[in-house]
C-alpha cells in the first residue's frame, strides 16, 4: 500500500517577501565572536607547558 506524498508548503506573495526581508536583516545583523583573549590565554598555557 502506497503512502501519499504530502505537499511542501510554499510561501507566496507578501509572506515570501516578508520572510526574505527578515532573513536578509538577520544576515546583516549577524555578529562575529572574537576569541583573541582566549587564544592569548591558551598560548600562555602552552608556552608554560613548553609544548
N, C-alpha and C. Protein backbone atom coordinates (compact mmCIF):
# COMPACT_ATOMS: atom_id res chain seq x y z
N UNK A 1 0.83 -1.17 0.00
CA UNK A 1 0.00 0.00 0.00
C UNK A 1 0.89 1.25 0.00
N UNK A 2 0.64 2.17 -0.88
CA UNK A 2 1.47 3.36 -1.04
C UNK A 2 1.06 4.45 -0.06
N UNK A 3 2.04 5.20 0.37
CA UNK A 3 1.78 6.34 1.26
C UNK A 3 1.71 7.59 0.39
N UNK A 4 0.69 8.39 0.63
CA UNK A 4 0.51 9.61 -0.15
C UNK A 4 1.63 10.60 0.15
N UNK A 5 2.14 11.26 -0.89
CA UNK A 5 3.18 12.26 -0.73
C UNK A 5 2.51 13.58 -0.38
N UNK A 6 2.97 14.19 0.72
CA UNK A 6 2.38 15.45 1.18
C UNK A 6 2.98 16.62 0.39
N UNK A 7 2.16 17.62 0.19
CA UNK A 7 2.63 18.83 -0.49
C UNK A 7 3.58 19.59 0.41
N UNK A 8 4.59 20.19 -0.20
CA UNK A 8 5.56 21.02 0.53
C UNK A 8 4.97 22.43 0.63
N UNK A 9 4.88 22.98 1.84
CA UNK A 9 4.34 24.34 1.96
C UNK A 9 5.27 25.36 1.30
N UNK A 10 4.68 26.30 0.60
CA UNK A 10 5.44 27.32 -0.13
C UNK A 10 4.92 28.69 0.26
N UNK A 11 5.83 29.60 0.57
CA UNK A 11 5.43 30.97 0.87
C UNK A 11 5.13 31.71 -0.42
N UNK A 12 4.06 32.48 -0.43
CA UNK A 12 3.69 33.21 -1.64
C UNK A 12 3.48 34.68 -1.32
N UNK A 13 3.73 35.49 -2.30
CA UNK A 13 3.50 36.93 -2.30
C UNK A 13 4.02 37.65 -1.06
N UNK A 14 3.12 38.25 -0.26
CA UNK A 14 3.54 39.08 0.87
C UNK A 14 4.32 38.29 1.92
N UNK A 15 3.89 37.07 2.19
CA UNK A 15 4.57 36.25 3.20
C UNK A 15 6.00 35.95 2.75
N UNK A 16 6.19 35.68 1.47
CA UNK A 16 7.52 35.38 0.94
C UNK A 16 8.41 36.61 1.00
N UNK A 17 7.87 37.75 0.67
CA UNK A 17 8.64 39.00 0.70
C UNK A 17 9.05 39.33 2.14
N UNK A 18 8.10 39.18 3.08
CA UNK A 18 8.38 39.46 4.48
C UNK A 18 9.43 38.50 5.03
N UNK A 19 9.31 37.22 4.69
CA UNK A 19 10.28 36.22 5.13
C UNK A 19 11.67 36.54 4.61
N UNK A 20 11.75 36.89 3.33
CA UNK A 20 13.04 37.20 2.71
C UNK A 20 13.66 38.45 3.33
N UNK A 21 12.86 39.47 3.57
CA UNK A 21 13.41 40.69 4.16
C UNK A 21 13.88 40.44 5.60
N UNK A 22 13.14 39.62 6.35
CA UNK A 22 13.58 39.26 7.70
C UNK A 22 14.87 38.45 7.66
N UNK A 23 14.99 37.56 6.69
CA UNK A 23 16.21 36.76 6.56
C UNK A 23 17.39 37.64 6.21
N UNK A 24 17.21 38.59 5.31
CA UNK A 24 18.29 39.50 4.92
C UNK A 24 18.72 40.36 6.11
N UNK A 25 17.74 40.82 6.90
CA UNK A 25 18.06 41.63 8.08
C UNK A 25 18.84 40.81 9.10
N UNK A 26 18.48 39.55 9.27
CA UNK A 26 19.18 38.69 10.21
C UNK A 26 20.62 38.45 9.75
N UNK A 27 20.82 38.32 8.45
CA UNK A 27 22.18 38.12 7.91
C UNK A 27 23.03 39.36 8.17
N UNK A 28 22.46 40.54 7.96
CA UNK A 28 23.21 41.78 8.18
C UNK A 28 23.51 42.00 9.66
N UNK A 29 22.60 41.54 10.52
CA UNK A 29 22.72 41.74 11.95
C UNK A 29 23.70 40.75 12.59
N UNK A 30 24.05 39.69 11.86
CA UNK A 30 24.91 38.64 12.40
C UNK A 30 26.24 39.23 12.85
N UNK A 31 26.68 38.81 14.01
CA UNK A 31 27.95 39.31 14.53
C UNK A 31 28.95 38.17 14.64
N UNK A 32 30.19 38.55 14.79
CA UNK A 32 31.24 37.55 14.93
C UNK A 32 31.70 37.51 16.38
N UNK A 33 32.30 36.42 16.76
CA UNK A 33 32.82 36.26 18.11
C UNK A 33 34.33 36.39 18.06
N UNK A 34 34.89 37.24 18.91
CA UNK A 34 36.33 37.43 18.95
C UNK A 34 36.92 36.52 20.02
N UNK A 35 37.85 35.68 19.61
CA UNK A 35 38.48 34.74 20.52
C UNK A 35 39.92 35.15 20.84
N UNK A 36 40.29 36.40 20.63
CA UNK A 36 41.67 36.82 20.83
C UNK A 36 42.11 36.65 22.30
N UNK A 37 41.22 36.95 23.23
CA UNK A 37 41.57 36.81 24.64
C UNK A 37 41.80 35.34 24.99
N UNK A 38 40.91 34.46 24.51
CA UNK A 38 41.05 33.03 24.78
C UNK A 38 42.29 32.46 24.10
N UNK A 39 42.61 32.95 22.91
CA UNK A 39 43.80 32.48 22.20
C UNK A 39 45.07 32.88 22.94
N UNK A 40 45.10 34.10 23.47
CA UNK A 40 46.29 34.52 24.20
C UNK A 40 46.46 33.71 25.48
N UNK A 41 45.37 33.41 26.17
CA UNK A 41 45.44 32.58 27.38
C UNK A 41 45.92 31.18 27.03
N UNK A 42 45.40 30.62 25.93
CA UNK A 42 45.80 29.28 25.51
C UNK A 42 47.28 29.25 25.14
N UNK A 43 47.75 30.29 24.45
CA UNK A 43 49.17 30.31 24.07
C UNK A 43 50.07 30.45 25.30
N UNK A 44 49.62 31.20 26.30
CA UNK A 44 50.38 31.31 27.54
C UNK A 44 50.47 29.95 28.25
N UNK A 45 49.37 29.23 28.27
CA UNK A 45 49.34 27.91 28.91
C UNK A 45 50.27 26.96 28.16
N UNK A 46 50.23 26.99 26.83
CA UNK A 46 51.09 26.11 26.03
C UNK A 46 52.56 26.49 26.19
N UNK A 47 52.84 27.79 26.29
CA UNK A 47 54.23 28.22 26.49
C UNK A 47 54.74 27.77 27.84
N UNK A 48 53.90 27.86 28.83
CA UNK A 48 54.27 27.43 30.17
C UNK A 48 54.51 25.90 30.21
N UNK A 49 53.70 25.17 29.42
CA UNK A 49 53.84 23.71 29.39
C UNK A 49 54.96 23.29 28.42
N UNK A 50 55.54 24.27 27.70
CA UNK A 50 56.62 24.02 26.72
C UNK A 50 56.20 23.02 25.64
N UNK A 51 55.00 23.25 25.11
CA UNK A 51 54.50 22.39 24.02
C UNK A 51 54.66 23.12 22.71
